[in-house]
Amino acid sequence: MNRFILLTFGLFSLVNGYSQVQYATYYNPMDAVTYNIQVETANGDDYSIYVYGMHITTDFQTGGFYIQKKNLEGFLSDFLVAKQKYEAWTKTAKENKIEDLAKKIEIPKSQKIGGFFKSGDSTSLDTKSINRHLKPVYSFLVTKDKGLIKYYLAIFTDAFVDPQVPLLISSGYGLIFSSPEEVMSFYSLLQPEKINAFLSKQPKLDELFR
């Protein structure tokens, strides 16, 4: 991307009031990594959430889930449905001594959200490729590692392309939880009232540069 395009994008972002800030982190027990959650604000009270996730393959390792404000309520509703199924299936798996399983959790008419991945170098102003039309894939996983059986709720983006550059393809990203407590901790972070309270304390660009 040449310098003129980068400068144009930077000016556009400032003029239109876009701002992306670090909001929170969460821990992924499968790869033992702590990932960021960032919020991007636009004009008015609109915002989008970037939830960085575990990469499925080595291509475009930095990326995750992109959730627009208008889709957040639907995503959280589906998330609770998946949690309830996770708890029920964990109980069933334990009772039946299941040690290895991967089963999709079906959620009728699930909310579409989006995915993003970093497609430029770290010095670029515009480094994220965003696809806004993805349906998350919810799964229940049972694994046995070093004699310990683990039960996971997994949410994947599946593979997706950059709509603007179809040759850029990401294999997808995952959110992984190993207990109901981890699930609810993440759910709590994405509550609209908590995000609004956080954003209300952030300086507004149009107020900083009058």
N, C-alpha and C. Protein backbone atom coordinates (compact mmCIF):
# COMPACT_ATOMS: atom_id res chain seq x y z
N MET A 1 0.85 -1.19 0.00
CA MET A 1 0.00 0.00 0.00
C MET A 1 0.89 1.25 0.00
N ASN A 2 0.72 2.17 -0.99
CA ASN A 2 1.64 3.31 -1.06
C ASN A 2 1.31 4.37 -0.03
N ARG A 3 2.24 5.31 0.12
CA ARG A 3 2.11 6.30 1.19
C ARG A 3 0.91 7.21 0.99
N PHE A 4 0.57 7.50 -0.26
CA PHE A 4 -0.59 8.37 -0.52
C PHE A 4 -1.87 7.73 -0.01
N ILE A 5 -2.04 6.44 -0.29
CA ILE A 5 -3.25 5.74 0.17
C ILE A 5 -3.28 5.69 1.68
N LEU A 6 -2.13 5.42 2.31
CA LEU A 6 -2.08 5.36 3.76
C LEU A 6 -2.43 6.71 4.37
N LEU A 7 -1.89 7.81 3.79
CA LEU A 7 -2.17 9.13 4.31
C LEU A 7 -3.64 9.47 4.13
N THR A 8 -4.21 9.12 2.98
CA THR A 8 -5.62 9.39 2.72
C THR A 8 -6.50 8.67 3.73
N PHE A 9 -6.19 7.39 3.98
CA PHE A 9 -6.97 6.62 4.95
C PHE A 9 -6.85 7.22 6.34
N GLY A 10 -5.63 7.65 6.71
CA GLY A 10 -5.43 8.23 8.02
C GLY A 10 -6.24 9.50 8.20
N LEU A 11 -6.25 10.38 7.19
CA LEU A 11 -7.03 11.60 7.27
C LEU A 11 -8.52 11.31 7.31
N PHE A 12 -8.96 10.34 6.51
CA PHE A 12 -10.37 9.96 6.51
C PHE A 12 -10.81 9.49 7.89
N SER A 13 -9.97 8.68 8.53
CA SER A 13 -10.30 8.15 9.84
C SER A 13 -10.42 9.24 10.87
N LEU A 14 -9.49 10.20 10.83
CA LEU A 14 -9.53 11.28 11.80
C LEU A 14 -10.72 12.19 11.58
N VAL A 15 -10.96 12.56 10.31
CA VAL A 15 -12.06 13.46 10.01
C VAL A 15 -13.40 12.84 10.40
N ASN A 16 -13.55 11.54 10.20
CA ASN A 16 -14.81 10.88 10.47
C ASN A 16 -14.91 10.33 11.89
N GLY A 17 -13.94 10.61 12.71
CA GLY A 17 -14.05 10.28 14.12
C GLY A 17 -13.85 8.83 14.48
N TYR A 18 -13.13 8.06 13.69
CA TYR A 18 -12.89 6.66 14.02
C TYR A 18 -11.76 6.56 15.04
N SER A 19 -11.93 5.69 16.01
CA SER A 19 -10.91 5.49 17.02
C SER A 19 -10.99 4.07 17.55
N GLN A 20 -9.86 3.36 17.58
CA GLN A 20 -9.83 1.98 18.07
C GLN A 20 -8.99 1.93 19.34
N VAL A 21 -9.55 1.37 20.41
CA VAL A 21 -8.87 1.35 21.71
C VAL A 21 -8.88 -0.05 22.30
N GLN A 22 -7.88 -0.32 23.13
CA GLN A 22 -7.80 -1.57 23.87
C GLN A 22 -8.88 -1.58 24.95
N TYR A 23 -9.70 -2.62 24.97
CA TYR A 23 -10.83 -2.69 25.91
C TYR A 23 -10.61 -3.71 27.01
N ALA A 24 -10.23 -4.94 26.65
CA ALA A 24 -10.09 -6.01 27.65
C ALA A 24 -9.24 -7.13 27.06
N THR A 25 -9.01 -8.17 27.86
CA THR A 25 -8.33 -9.38 27.40
C THR A 25 -9.10 -10.60 27.91
N TYR A 26 -8.84 -11.74 27.30
CA TYR A 26 -9.40 -13.00 27.78
C TYR A 26 -8.35 -14.09 27.52
N TYR A 27 -8.47 -15.17 28.25
CA TYR A 27 -7.48 -16.25 28.18
C TYR A 27 -8.05 -17.44 27.41
N ASN A 28 -7.25 -17.95 26.48
CA ASN A 28 -7.63 -19.14 25.71
C ASN A 28 -6.90 -20.35 26.31
N PRO A 29 -7.61 -21.30 26.91
CA PRO A 29 -6.95 -22.41 27.59
C PRO A 29 -6.34 -23.44 26.65
N MET A 30 -6.75 -23.45 25.38
CA MET A 30 -6.25 -24.48 24.47
C MET A 30 -4.82 -24.18 24.03
N ASP A 31 -4.52 -22.92 23.71
CA ASP A 31 -3.15 -22.59 23.32
C ASP A 31 -2.43 -21.77 24.39
N ALA A 32 -3.08 -21.59 25.55
CA ALA A 32 -2.48 -20.90 26.70
C ALA A 32 -1.99 -19.50 26.33
N VAL A 33 -2.84 -18.76 25.63
CA VAL A 33 -2.50 -17.40 25.19
C VAL A 33 -3.59 -16.44 25.64
N THR A 34 -3.19 -15.25 26.07
CA THR A 34 -4.15 -14.20 26.40
C THR A 34 -4.33 -13.30 25.18
N TYR A 35 -5.59 -13.11 24.77
CA TYR A 35 -5.90 -12.35 23.56
C TYR A 35 -6.59 -11.03 23.90
N ASN A 36 -6.43 -10.07 22.99
CA ASN A 36 -7.01 -8.74 23.18
C ASN A 36 -8.44 -8.65 22.66
N ILE A 37 -9.18 -7.76 23.28
CA ILE A 37 -10.48 -7.32 22.77
C ILE A 37 -10.38 -5.81 22.61
N GLN A 38 -10.61 -5.32 21.39
CA GLN A 38 -10.53 -3.89 21.13
C GLN A 38 -11.88 -3.38 20.62
N VAL A 39 -12.13 -2.11 20.87
CA VAL A 39 -13.38 -1.49 20.43
C VAL A 39 -13.05 -0.31 19.53
N GLU A 40 -13.73 -0.27 18.40
CA GLU A 40 -13.57 0.83 17.46
C GLU A 40 -14.84 1.65 17.46
N THR A 41 -14.72 2.93 17.72
CA THR A 41 -15.88 3.81 17.73
C THR A 41 -15.93 4.60 16.43
N ALA A 42 -17.15 4.99 16.05
CA ALA A 42 -17.35 5.83 14.88
C ALA A 42 -18.14 7.05 15.32
N ASN A 43 -18.73 7.75 14.40
CA ASN A 43 -19.53 8.92 14.75
C ASN A 43 -20.72 8.51 15.60
N GLY A 44 -21.09 9.36 16.54
CA GLY A 44 -22.22 9.04 17.41
C GLY A 44 -21.85 7.97 18.41
N ASP A 45 -22.81 7.08 18.69
CA ASP A 45 -22.58 6.04 19.69
C ASP A 45 -22.36 4.66 19.06
N ASP A 46 -22.06 4.63 17.77
CA ASP A 46 -21.85 3.35 17.09
C ASP A 46 -20.46 2.82 17.42
N TYR A 47 -20.32 1.48 17.44
CA TYR A 47 -19.01 0.88 17.68
C TYR A 47 -18.97 -0.52 17.09
N SER A 48 -17.75 -1.02 16.94
CA SER A 48 -17.51 -2.40 16.51
C SER A 48 -16.47 -3.01 17.44
N ILE A 49 -16.55 -4.33 17.63
CA ILE A 49 -15.67 -5.03 18.56
C ILE A 49 -14.76 -5.98 17.78
N TYR A 50 -13.47 -5.92 18.08
CA TYR A 50 -12.50 -6.85 17.51
C TYR A 50 -12.06 -7.81 18.61
N VAL A 51 -12.45 -9.08 18.49
CA VAL A 51 -12.04 -10.09 19.46
C VAL A 51 -10.97 -10.96 18.80
N TYR A 52 -9.72 -10.77 19.19
CA TYR A 52 -8.64 -11.56 18.61
C TYR A 52 -8.76 -13.01 19.07
N GLY A 53 -8.45 -13.95 18.17
CA GLY A 53 -8.64 -15.35 18.49
C GLY A 53 -7.48 -16.23 18.07
N MET A 54 -7.57 -17.48 18.44
CA MET A 54 -6.56 -18.49 18.09
C MET A 54 -6.63 -18.78 16.59
N HIS A 55 -5.49 -18.69 15.89
CA HIS A 55 -5.50 -18.94 14.45
C HIS A 55 -5.55 -20.45 14.19
N ILE A 56 -6.29 -20.84 13.16
CA ILE A 56 -6.47 -22.26 12.83
C ILE A 56 -5.24 -22.82 12.13
N THR A 57 -4.66 -22.05 11.23
CA THR A 57 -3.41 -22.46 10.56
C THR A 57 -2.42 -21.30 10.65
N THR A 58 -1.28 -21.44 9.97
CA THR A 58 -0.24 -20.43 10.10
C THR A 58 -0.43 -19.23 9.17
N ASP A 59 -1.41 -19.26 8.27
CA ASP A 59 -1.62 -18.12 7.40
C ASP A 59 -2.38 -17.02 8.16
N PHE A 60 -1.96 -15.79 8.02
CA PHE A 60 -2.60 -14.65 8.68
C PHE A 60 -2.89 -14.97 10.15
N GLN A 61 -1.84 -15.08 10.93
CA GLN A 61 -1.96 -15.55 12.30
C GLN A 61 -2.68 -14.56 13.22
N THR A 62 -2.70 -13.28 12.85
CA THR A 62 -3.36 -12.27 13.68
C THR A 62 -4.73 -11.94 13.11
N GLY A 63 -5.76 -12.24 13.88
CA GLY A 63 -7.12 -11.97 13.43
C GLY A 63 -8.12 -12.48 14.44
N GLY A 64 -9.39 -12.50 14.05
CA GLY A 64 -10.40 -12.98 14.97
C GLY A 64 -11.80 -12.62 14.54
N PHE A 65 -12.63 -12.27 15.52
CA PHE A 65 -14.06 -12.02 15.32
C PHE A 65 -14.33 -10.52 15.29
N TYR A 66 -15.18 -10.11 14.35
CA TYR A 66 -15.55 -8.71 14.20
C TYR A 66 -17.05 -8.60 14.47
N ILE A 67 -17.44 -7.89 15.52
CA ILE A 67 -18.84 -7.82 15.93
C ILE A 67 -19.31 -6.37 15.92
N GLN A 68 -20.22 -6.05 15.03
CA GLN A 68 -20.79 -4.71 15.00
C GLN A 68 -21.85 -4.57 16.10
N LYS A 69 -22.03 -3.35 16.56
CA LYS A 69 -22.97 -3.07 17.64
C LYS A 69 -24.37 -3.62 17.32
N LYS A 70 -24.81 -3.47 16.08
CA LYS A 70 -26.15 -3.90 15.70
C LYS A 70 -26.32 -5.42 15.77
N ASN A 71 -25.20 -6.17 15.75
CA ASN A 71 -25.26 -7.63 15.79
C ASN A 71 -24.91 -8.22 17.15
N LEU A 72 -24.55 -7.35 18.10
CA LEU A 72 -24.05 -7.84 19.39
C LEU A 72 -25.12 -8.58 20.18
N GLU A 73 -26.32 -8.04 20.25
CA GLU A 73 -27.38 -8.69 21.03
C GLU A 73 -27.69 -10.08 20.50
N GLY A 74 -27.77 -10.23 19.19
CA GLY A 74 -28.04 -11.54 18.60
C GLY A 74 -26.92 -12.52 18.87
N PHE A 75 -25.66 -12.05 18.78
CA PHE A 75 -24.52 -12.91 19.07
C PHE A 75 -24.54 -13.39 20.52
N LEU A 76 -24.81 -12.49 21.44
CA LEU A 76 -24.84 -12.86 22.86
C LEU A 76 -25.97 -13.85 23.16
N SER A 77 -27.10 -13.69 22.48
CA SER A 77 -28.20 -14.63 22.65
C SER A 77 -27.80 -16.03 22.18
N ASP A 78 -27.17 -16.11 21.02
CA ASP A 78 -26.69 -17.40 20.51
C ASP A 78 -25.62 -17.98 21.43
N PHE A 79 -24.79 -17.12 21.97
CA PHE A 79 -23.71 -17.53 22.87
C PHE A 79 -24.29 -18.24 24.11
N LEU A 80 -25.38 -17.70 24.64
CA LEU A 80 -26.01 -18.34 25.81
C LEU A 80 -26.63 -19.68 25.45
N VAL A 81 -27.20 -19.78 24.26
CA VAL A 81 -27.75 -21.07 23.81
C VAL A 81 -26.63 -22.10 23.73
N ALA A 82 -25.50 -21.70 23.17
CA ALA A 82 -24.35 -22.61 23.06
C ALA A 82 -23.83 -23.00 24.44
N LYS A 83 -23.83 -22.07 25.38
CA LYS A 83 -23.38 -22.35 26.74
C LYS A 83 -24.26 -23.41 27.41
N GLN A 84 -25.57 -23.27 27.24
CA GLN A 84 -26.50 -24.24 27.82
C GLN A 84 -26.28 -25.63 27.24
N LYS A 85 -26.06 -25.69 25.94
CA LYS A 85 -25.79 -26.98 25.30
C LYS A 85 -24.45 -27.54 25.77
N TYR A 86 -23.47 -26.69 25.92
CA TYR A 86 -22.15 -27.09 26.40
C TYR A 86 -22.25 -27.72 27.79
N GLU A 87 -23.00 -27.12 28.67
CA GLU A 87 -23.14 -27.65 30.02
C GLU A 87 -23.87 -28.99 30.01
N ALA A 88 -24.93 -29.10 29.20
CA ALA A 88 -25.69 -30.35 29.13
C ALA A 88 -24.84 -31.47 28.53
N TRP A 89 -24.11 -31.16 27.47
CA TRP A 89 -23.31 -32.19 26.81
C TRP A 89 -22.08 -32.57 27.64
N THR A 90 -21.55 -31.63 28.41
CA THR A 90 -20.44 -31.96 29.30
C THR A 90 -20.90 -32.99 30.33
N LYS A 91 -22.07 -32.79 30.89
CA LYS A 91 -22.64 -33.73 31.86
C LYS A 91 -22.84 -35.11 31.22
N THR A 92 -23.37 -35.13 30.00
CA THR A 92 -23.60 -36.39 29.29
C THR A 92 -22.27 -37.09 28.98
N ALA A 93 -21.28 -36.33 28.54
CA ALA A 93 -19.97 -36.91 28.20
C ALA A 93 -19.30 -37.53 29.43
N LYS A 94 -19.42 -36.86 30.55
CA LYS A 94 -18.82 -37.39 31.79
C LYS A 94 -19.54 -38.67 32.23
N GLU A 95 -20.85 -38.67 32.14
CA GLU A 95 -21.63 -39.83 32.57
C GLU A 95 -21.33 -41.05 31.70
N ASN A 96 -21.03 -40.80 30.43
CA ASN A 96 -20.79 -41.89 29.49
C ASN A 96 -19.32 -42.13 29.19
N LYS A 97 -18.46 -41.46 29.97
CA LYS A 97 -17.01 -41.66 29.87
C LYS A 97 -16.48 -41.43 28.45
N ILE A 98 -16.99 -40.38 27.79
CA ILE A 98 -16.52 -40.01 26.45
C ILE A 98 -15.17 -39.31 26.57
N GLU A 99 -14.20 -39.74 25.78
CA GLU A 99 -12.85 -39.18 25.87
C GLU A 99 -12.41 -38.45 24.61
N ASP A 100 -13.15 -38.59 23.53
CA ASP A 100 -12.76 -37.94 22.28
C ASP A 100 -14.01 -37.64 21.46
N LEU A 101 -14.27 -36.37 21.21
CA LEU A 101 -15.50 -36.00 20.50
C LEU A 101 -15.38 -34.59 19.94
N ALA A 102 -15.91 -34.39 18.75
CA ALA A 102 -16.06 -33.06 18.16
C ALA A 102 -17.45 -33.02 17.53
N LYS A 103 -18.34 -32.23 18.09
CA LYS A 103 -19.72 -32.20 17.62
C LYS A 103 -20.19 -30.75 17.49
N LYS A 104 -20.76 -30.45 16.34
CA LYS A 104 -21.26 -29.10 16.08
C LYS A 104 -22.52 -28.84 16.89
N ILE A 105 -22.63 -27.64 17.43
CA ILE A 105 -23.83 -27.20 18.14
C ILE A 105 -24.69 -26.42 17.16
N GLU A 106 -25.84 -26.95 16.85
CA GLU A 106 -26.72 -26.30 15.88
C GLU A 106 -27.53 -25.21 16.56
N ILE A 107 -27.49 -24.01 16.00
CA ILE A 107 -28.29 -22.89 16.50
C ILE A 107 -29.09 -22.34 15.32
N PRO A 108 -30.41 -22.62 15.28
CA PRO A 108 -31.23 -22.16 14.15
C PRO A 108 -31.20 -20.63 14.01
N LYS A 109 -31.06 -20.18 12.78
CA LYS A 109 -31.09 -18.76 12.47
C LYS A 109 -30.08 -17.97 13.31
N SER A 110 -28.89 -18.51 13.44
CA SER A 110 -27.87 -17.85 14.25
C SER A 110 -27.46 -16.51 13.64
N GLN A 111 -27.02 -15.62 14.50
CA GLN A 111 -26.66 -14.26 14.10
C GLN A 111 -25.37 -14.24 13.29
N LYS A 112 -25.40 -13.59 12.15
CA LYS A 112 -24.17 -13.36 11.40
C LYS A 112 -23.37 -12.26 12.08
N ILE A 113 -22.06 -12.45 12.13
CA ILE A 113 -21.20 -11.39 12.64
C ILE A 113 -20.13 -11.14 11.57
N GLY A 114 -18.86 -11.24 11.92
CA GLY A 114 -17.83 -11.02 10.93
C GLY A 114 -16.50 -11.55 11.43
N GLY A 115 -15.51 -11.47 10.56
CA GLY A 115 -14.16 -11.87 10.92
C GLY A 115 -13.18 -10.88 10.35
N PHE A 116 -11.99 -10.83 10.92
CA PHE A 116 -10.96 -9.93 10.41
C PHE A 116 -9.61 -10.62 10.51
N PHE A 117 -8.68 -10.19 9.69
CA PHE A 117 -7.30 -10.65 9.82
C PHE A 117 -6.37 -9.55 9.37
N LYS A 118 -5.18 -9.57 9.93
CA LYS A 118 -4.17 -8.58 9.60
C LYS A 118 -3.52 -8.95 8.28
N SER A 119 -3.59 -8.03 7.32
CA SER A 119 -3.09 -8.34 5.98
C SER A 119 -1.96 -7.43 5.53
N GLY A 120 -1.54 -6.50 6.40
CA GLY A 120 -0.44 -5.61 6.05
C GLY A 120 0.66 -5.68 7.08
N ASP A 121 1.72 -4.91 6.87
CA ASP A 121 2.79 -4.91 7.86
C ASP A 121 2.39 -4.06 9.06
N SER A 122 3.14 -4.20 10.16
CA SER A 122 2.74 -3.59 11.43
C SER A 122 2.79 -2.07 11.42
N THR A 123 3.44 -1.46 10.41
CA THR A 123 3.53 0.00 10.36
C THR A 123 2.40 0.61 9.55
N SER A 124 1.58 -0.20 8.91
CA SER A 124 0.50 0.32 8.08
C SER A 124 -0.62 0.88 8.94
N LEU A 125 -1.28 1.92 8.45
CA LEU A 125 -2.45 2.44 9.15
C LEU A 125 -3.65 1.53 8.95
N ASP A 126 -3.77 0.98 7.74
CA ASP A 126 -4.90 0.10 7.43
C ASP A 126 -4.37 -1.32 7.27
N THR A 127 -4.46 -2.12 8.33
CA THR A 127 -3.85 -3.45 8.29
C THR A 127 -4.88 -4.57 8.41
N LYS A 128 -6.16 -4.26 8.55
CA LYS A 128 -7.15 -5.30 8.79
C LYS A 128 -8.04 -5.53 7.57
N SER A 129 -8.15 -6.79 7.18
CA SER A 129 -9.12 -7.19 6.17
C SER A 129 -10.35 -7.68 6.91
N ILE A 130 -11.53 -7.16 6.57
CA ILE A 130 -12.75 -7.46 7.31
C ILE A 130 -13.80 -8.07 6.39
N ASN A 131 -14.38 -9.18 6.84
CA ASN A 131 -15.54 -9.77 6.18
C ASN A 131 -16.69 -9.69 7.17
N ARG A 132 -17.76 -8.97 6.83
CA ARG A 132 -18.85 -8.69 7.77
C ARG A 132 -20.00 -9.68 7.69
N HIS A 133 -19.86 -10.75 6.95
CA HIS A 133 -21.00 -11.64 6.70
C HIS A 133 -20.65 -13.10 6.96
N LEU A 134 -20.31 -13.41 8.20
CA LEU A 134 -19.96 -14.78 8.57
C LEU A 134 -20.90 -15.30 9.65
N LYS A 135 -21.20 -16.58 9.59
CA LYS A 135 -21.94 -17.23 10.67
C LYS A 135 -20.97 -18.01 11.53
N PRO A 136 -20.90 -17.71 12.84
CA PRO A 136 -19.99 -18.47 13.70
C PRO A 136 -20.37 -19.95 13.73
N VAL A 137 -19.37 -20.79 13.89
CA VAL A 137 -19.58 -22.23 14.02
C VAL A 137 -19.34 -22.60 15.48
N TYR A 138 -20.38 -23.08 16.15
CA TYR A 138 -20.30 -23.45 17.56
C TYR A 138 -20.08 -24.96 17.66
N SER A 139 -19.12 -25.36 18.51
CA SER A 139 -18.79 -26.79 18.62
C SER A 139 -18.52 -27.18 20.07
N PHE A 140 -18.79 -28.46 20.34
CA PHE A 140 -18.46 -29.08 21.63
C PHE A 140 -17.31 -30.04 21.39
N LEU A 141 -16.22 -29.88 22.15
CA LEU A 141 -15.04 -30.71 21.96
C LEU A 141 -14.68 -31.43 23.25
N VAL A 142 -14.30 -32.71 23.10
CA VAL A 142 -13.78 -33.49 24.23
C VAL A 142 -12.43 -34.04 23.80
N THR A 143 -11.41 -33.79 24.62
CA THR A 143 -10.07 -34.29 24.31
C THR A 143 -9.46 -34.92 25.56
N LYS A 144 -8.49 -35.80 25.33
CA LYS A 144 -7.75 -36.39 26.44
C LYS A 144 -6.28 -36.09 26.24
N ASP A 145 -5.69 -35.40 27.21
CA ASP A 145 -4.30 -34.99 27.11
C ASP A 145 -3.58 -35.35 28.41
N LYS A 146 -2.57 -36.21 28.29
CA LYS A 146 -1.79 -36.65 29.45
C LYS A 146 -2.69 -37.21 30.56
N GLY A 147 -3.69 -37.95 30.13
CA GLY A 147 -4.58 -38.61 31.07
C GLY A 147 -5.71 -37.75 31.60
N LEU A 148 -5.71 -36.46 31.22
CA LEU A 148 -6.74 -35.54 31.69
C LEU A 148 -7.76 -35.28 30.59
N ILE A 149 -9.02 -35.51 30.88
CA ILE A 149 -10.09 -35.27 29.91
C ILE A 149 -10.58 -33.83 30.05
N LYS A 150 -10.65 -33.14 28.91
CA LYS A 150 -11.07 -31.74 28.92
C LYS A 150 -12.29 -31.56 28.02
N TYR A 151 -13.16 -30.64 28.43
CA TYR A 151 -14.41 -30.38 27.71
C TYR A 151 -14.42 -28.90 27.31
N TYR A 152 -14.55 -28.66 26.02
CA TYR A 152 -14.45 -27.30 25.51
C TYR A 152 -15.72 -26.86 24.79
N LEU A 153 -16.04 -25.58 24.94
CA LEU A 153 -16.96 -24.91 24.03
C LEU A 153 -16.09 -24.11 23.07
N ALA A 154 -16.22 -24.38 21.78
CA ALA A 154 -15.40 -23.71 20.77
C ALA A 154 -16.30 -22.95 19.80
N ILE A 155 -15.86 -21.77 19.42
CA ILE A 155 -16.56 -20.96 18.43
C ILE A 155 -15.55 -20.59 17.35
N PHE A 156 -15.85 -20.93 16.10
CA PHE A 156 -14.93 -20.69 15.00
C PHE A 156 -15.56 -19.76 13.96
N THR A 157 -14.71 -19.00 13.28
CA THR A 157 -15.19 -18.16 12.17
C THR A 157 -15.35 -18.95 10.89
N ASP A 158 -14.66 -20.09 10.78
CA ASP A 158 -14.52 -20.82 9.53
C ASP A 158 -13.63 -19.98 8.60
N ALA A 159 -13.29 -20.53 7.47
CA ALA A 159 -12.43 -19.80 6.53
C ALA A 159 -13.20 -18.66 5.88
N PHE A 160 -12.51 -17.57 5.55
CA PHE A 160 -13.17 -16.46 4.89
C PHE A 160 -12.16 -15.65 4.08
N VAL A 161 -12.70 -14.87 3.14
CA VAL A 161 -11.85 -14.06 2.26
C VAL A 161 -12.05 -12.59 2.56
N ASP A 162 -11.09 -11.80 2.13
CA ASP A 162 -11.23 -10.35 2.15
C ASP A 162 -12.13 -9.97 0.97
N PRO A 163 -13.32 -9.39 1.21
CA PRO A 163 -14.22 -9.06 0.09
C PRO A 163 -13.59 -8.14 -0.94
N GLN A 164 -12.65 -7.29 -0.50
CA GLN A 164 -12.02 -6.35 -1.42
C GLN A 164 -10.87 -6.99 -2.21
N VAL A 165 -10.25 -8.00 -1.59
CA VAL A 165 -9.11 -8.68 -2.23
C VAL A 165 -9.34 -10.19 -2.10
N PRO A 166 -10.12 -10.80 -3.00
CA PRO A 166 -10.50 -12.22 -2.86
C PRO A 166 -9.34 -13.20 -2.79
N LEU A 167 -8.14 -12.76 -3.23
CA LEU A 167 -7.00 -13.66 -3.16
C LEU A 167 -6.48 -13.81 -1.72
N LEU A 168 -6.88 -12.89 -0.84
CA LEU A 168 -6.49 -12.98 0.57
C LEU A 168 -7.50 -13.84 1.31
N ILE A 169 -7.07 -15.01 1.74
CA ILE A 169 -7.98 -15.97 2.39
C ILE A 169 -7.40 -16.38 3.75
N SER A 170 -8.23 -16.27 4.78
CA SER A 170 -7.82 -16.73 6.10
C SER A 170 -8.51 -18.06 6.40
N SER A 171 -7.80 -18.96 7.06
CA SER A 171 -8.39 -20.25 7.43
C SER A 171 -9.32 -20.14 8.63
N GLY A 172 -9.33 -18.99 9.29
CA GLY A 172 -10.26 -18.78 10.38
C GLY A 172 -9.62 -18.72 11.75
N TYR A 173 -10.45 -18.40 12.74
CA TYR A 173 -9.98 -18.21 14.11
C TYR A 173 -10.97 -18.82 15.08
N GLY A 174 -10.51 -19.06 16.30
CA GLY A 174 -11.36 -19.72 17.27
C GLY A 174 -11.34 -19.07 18.64
N LEU A 175 -12.49 -19.12 19.31
CA LEU A 175 -12.61 -18.79 20.73
C LEU A 175 -12.82 -20.12 21.45
N ILE A 176 -12.03 -20.37 22.49
CA ILE A 176 -12.10 -21.66 23.18
C ILE A 176 -12.30 -21.42 24.67
N PHE A 177 -13.25 -22.17 25.26
CA PHE A 177 -13.53 -22.07 26.69
C PHE A 177 -13.57 -23.47 27.29
N SER A 178 -13.01 -23.60 28.50
CA SER A 178 -12.91 -24.93 29.11
C SER A 178 -13.77 -25.10 30.35
N SER A 179 -14.62 -24.11 30.65
CA SER A 179 -15.50 -24.22 31.81
C SER A 179 -16.64 -23.22 31.68
N PRO A 180 -17.77 -23.46 32.35
CA PRO A 180 -18.86 -22.48 32.34
C PRO A 180 -18.42 -21.13 32.89
N GLU A 181 -17.49 -21.12 33.84
CA GLU A 181 -17.00 -19.87 34.42
C GLU A 181 -16.26 -19.04 33.37
N GLU A 182 -15.45 -19.70 32.55
CA GLU A 182 -14.76 -18.98 31.48
C GLU A 182 -15.75 -18.43 30.47
N VAL A 183 -16.76 -19.22 30.16
CA VAL A 183 -17.79 -18.78 29.21
C VAL A 183 -18.47 -17.52 29.72
N MET A 184 -18.89 -17.53 30.97
CA MET A 184 -19.63 -16.39 31.51
C MET A 184 -18.74 -15.17 31.74
N SER A 185 -17.47 -15.39 32.02
CA SER A 185 -16.54 -14.27 32.15
C SER A 185 -16.43 -13.52 30.83
N PHE A 186 -16.31 -14.28 29.73
CA PHE A 186 -16.25 -13.67 28.40
C PHE A 186 -17.57 -12.99 28.06
N TYR A 187 -18.66 -13.66 28.34
CA TYR A 187 -20.00 -13.11 28.09
C TYR A 187 -20.18 -11.77 28.80
N SER A 188 -19.71 -11.69 30.02
CA SER A 188 -19.82 -10.47 30.81
C SER A 188 -19.06 -9.32 30.17
N LEU A 189 -17.89 -9.62 29.59
CA LEU A 189 -17.09 -8.57 28.96
C LEU A 189 -17.80 -7.90 27.79
N LEU A 190 -18.67 -8.63 27.12
CA LEU A 190 -19.31 -8.11 25.91
C LEU A 190 -20.69 -7.53 26.17
N GLN A 191 -21.06 -7.35 27.43
CA GLN A 191 -22.35 -6.74 27.73
C GLN A 191 -22.36 -5.28 27.26
N PRO A 192 -23.39 -4.87 26.51
CA PRO A 192 -23.44 -3.51 25.96
C PRO A 192 -23.27 -2.42 27.02
N GLU A 193 -23.89 -2.62 28.20
CA GLU A 193 -23.78 -1.57 29.22
C GLU A 193 -22.34 -1.43 29.72
N LYS A 194 -21.60 -2.53 29.75
CA LYS A 194 -20.20 -2.47 30.18
C LYS A 194 -19.34 -1.77 29.12
N ILE A 195 -19.61 -2.07 27.85
CA ILE A 195 -18.87 -1.41 26.77
C ILE A 195 -19.20 0.08 26.72
N ASN A 196 -20.48 0.42 26.88
CA ASN A 196 -20.88 1.83 26.86
C ASN A 196 -20.24 2.60 28.01
N ALA A 197 -20.18 1.97 29.19
CA ALA A 197 -19.55 2.63 30.34
C ALA A 197 -18.07 2.88 30.08
N PHE A 198 -17.42 1.90 29.45
CA PHE A 198 -16.00 2.05 29.12
C PHE A 198 -15.81 3.18 28.12
N LEU A 199 -16.63 3.20 27.06
CA LEU A 199 -16.48 4.21 26.02
C LEU A 199 -16.79 5.60 26.53
N SER A 200 -17.68 5.71 27.50
CA SER A 200 -18.05 7.02 28.02
C SER A 200 -16.88 7.71 28.72
N LYS A 201 -15.89 6.92 29.11
CA LYS A 201 -14.72 7.46 29.81
C LYS A 201 -13.57 7.78 28.85
N GLN A 202 -13.74 7.42 27.57
CA GLN A 202 -12.69 7.67 26.59
C GLN A 202 -12.82 9.07 26.01
N PRO A 203 -11.69 9.75 25.76
CA PRO A 203 -11.76 11.09 25.15
C PRO A 203 -12.30 11.02 23.73
N LYS A 204 -13.13 11.97 23.36
CA LYS A 204 -13.70 12.04 22.03
C LYS A 204 -12.77 12.85 21.12
N LEU A 205 -12.52 12.32 19.91
CA LEU A 205 -11.60 12.99 19.00
C LEU A 205 -12.08 14.40 18.65
N ASP A 206 -13.40 14.56 18.44
CA ASP A 206 -13.89 15.89 18.05
C ASP A 206 -13.81 16.87 19.21
N GLU A 207 -13.71 16.36 20.45
CA GLU A 207 -13.54 17.25 21.59
C GLU A 207 -12.07 17.59 21.81
N LEU A 208 -11.18 16.66 21.44
CA LEU A 208 -9.75 16.91 21.58
C LEU A 208 -9.24 17.92 20.56
N PHE A 209 -9.81 17.87 19.34
CA PHE A 209 -9.31 18.70 18.25
C PHE A 209 -10.39 19.67 17.77
N ARG A 210 -10.67 20.66 18.61
CA ARG A 210 -11.68 21.66 18.25
C ARG A 210 -11.03 22.81 17.50
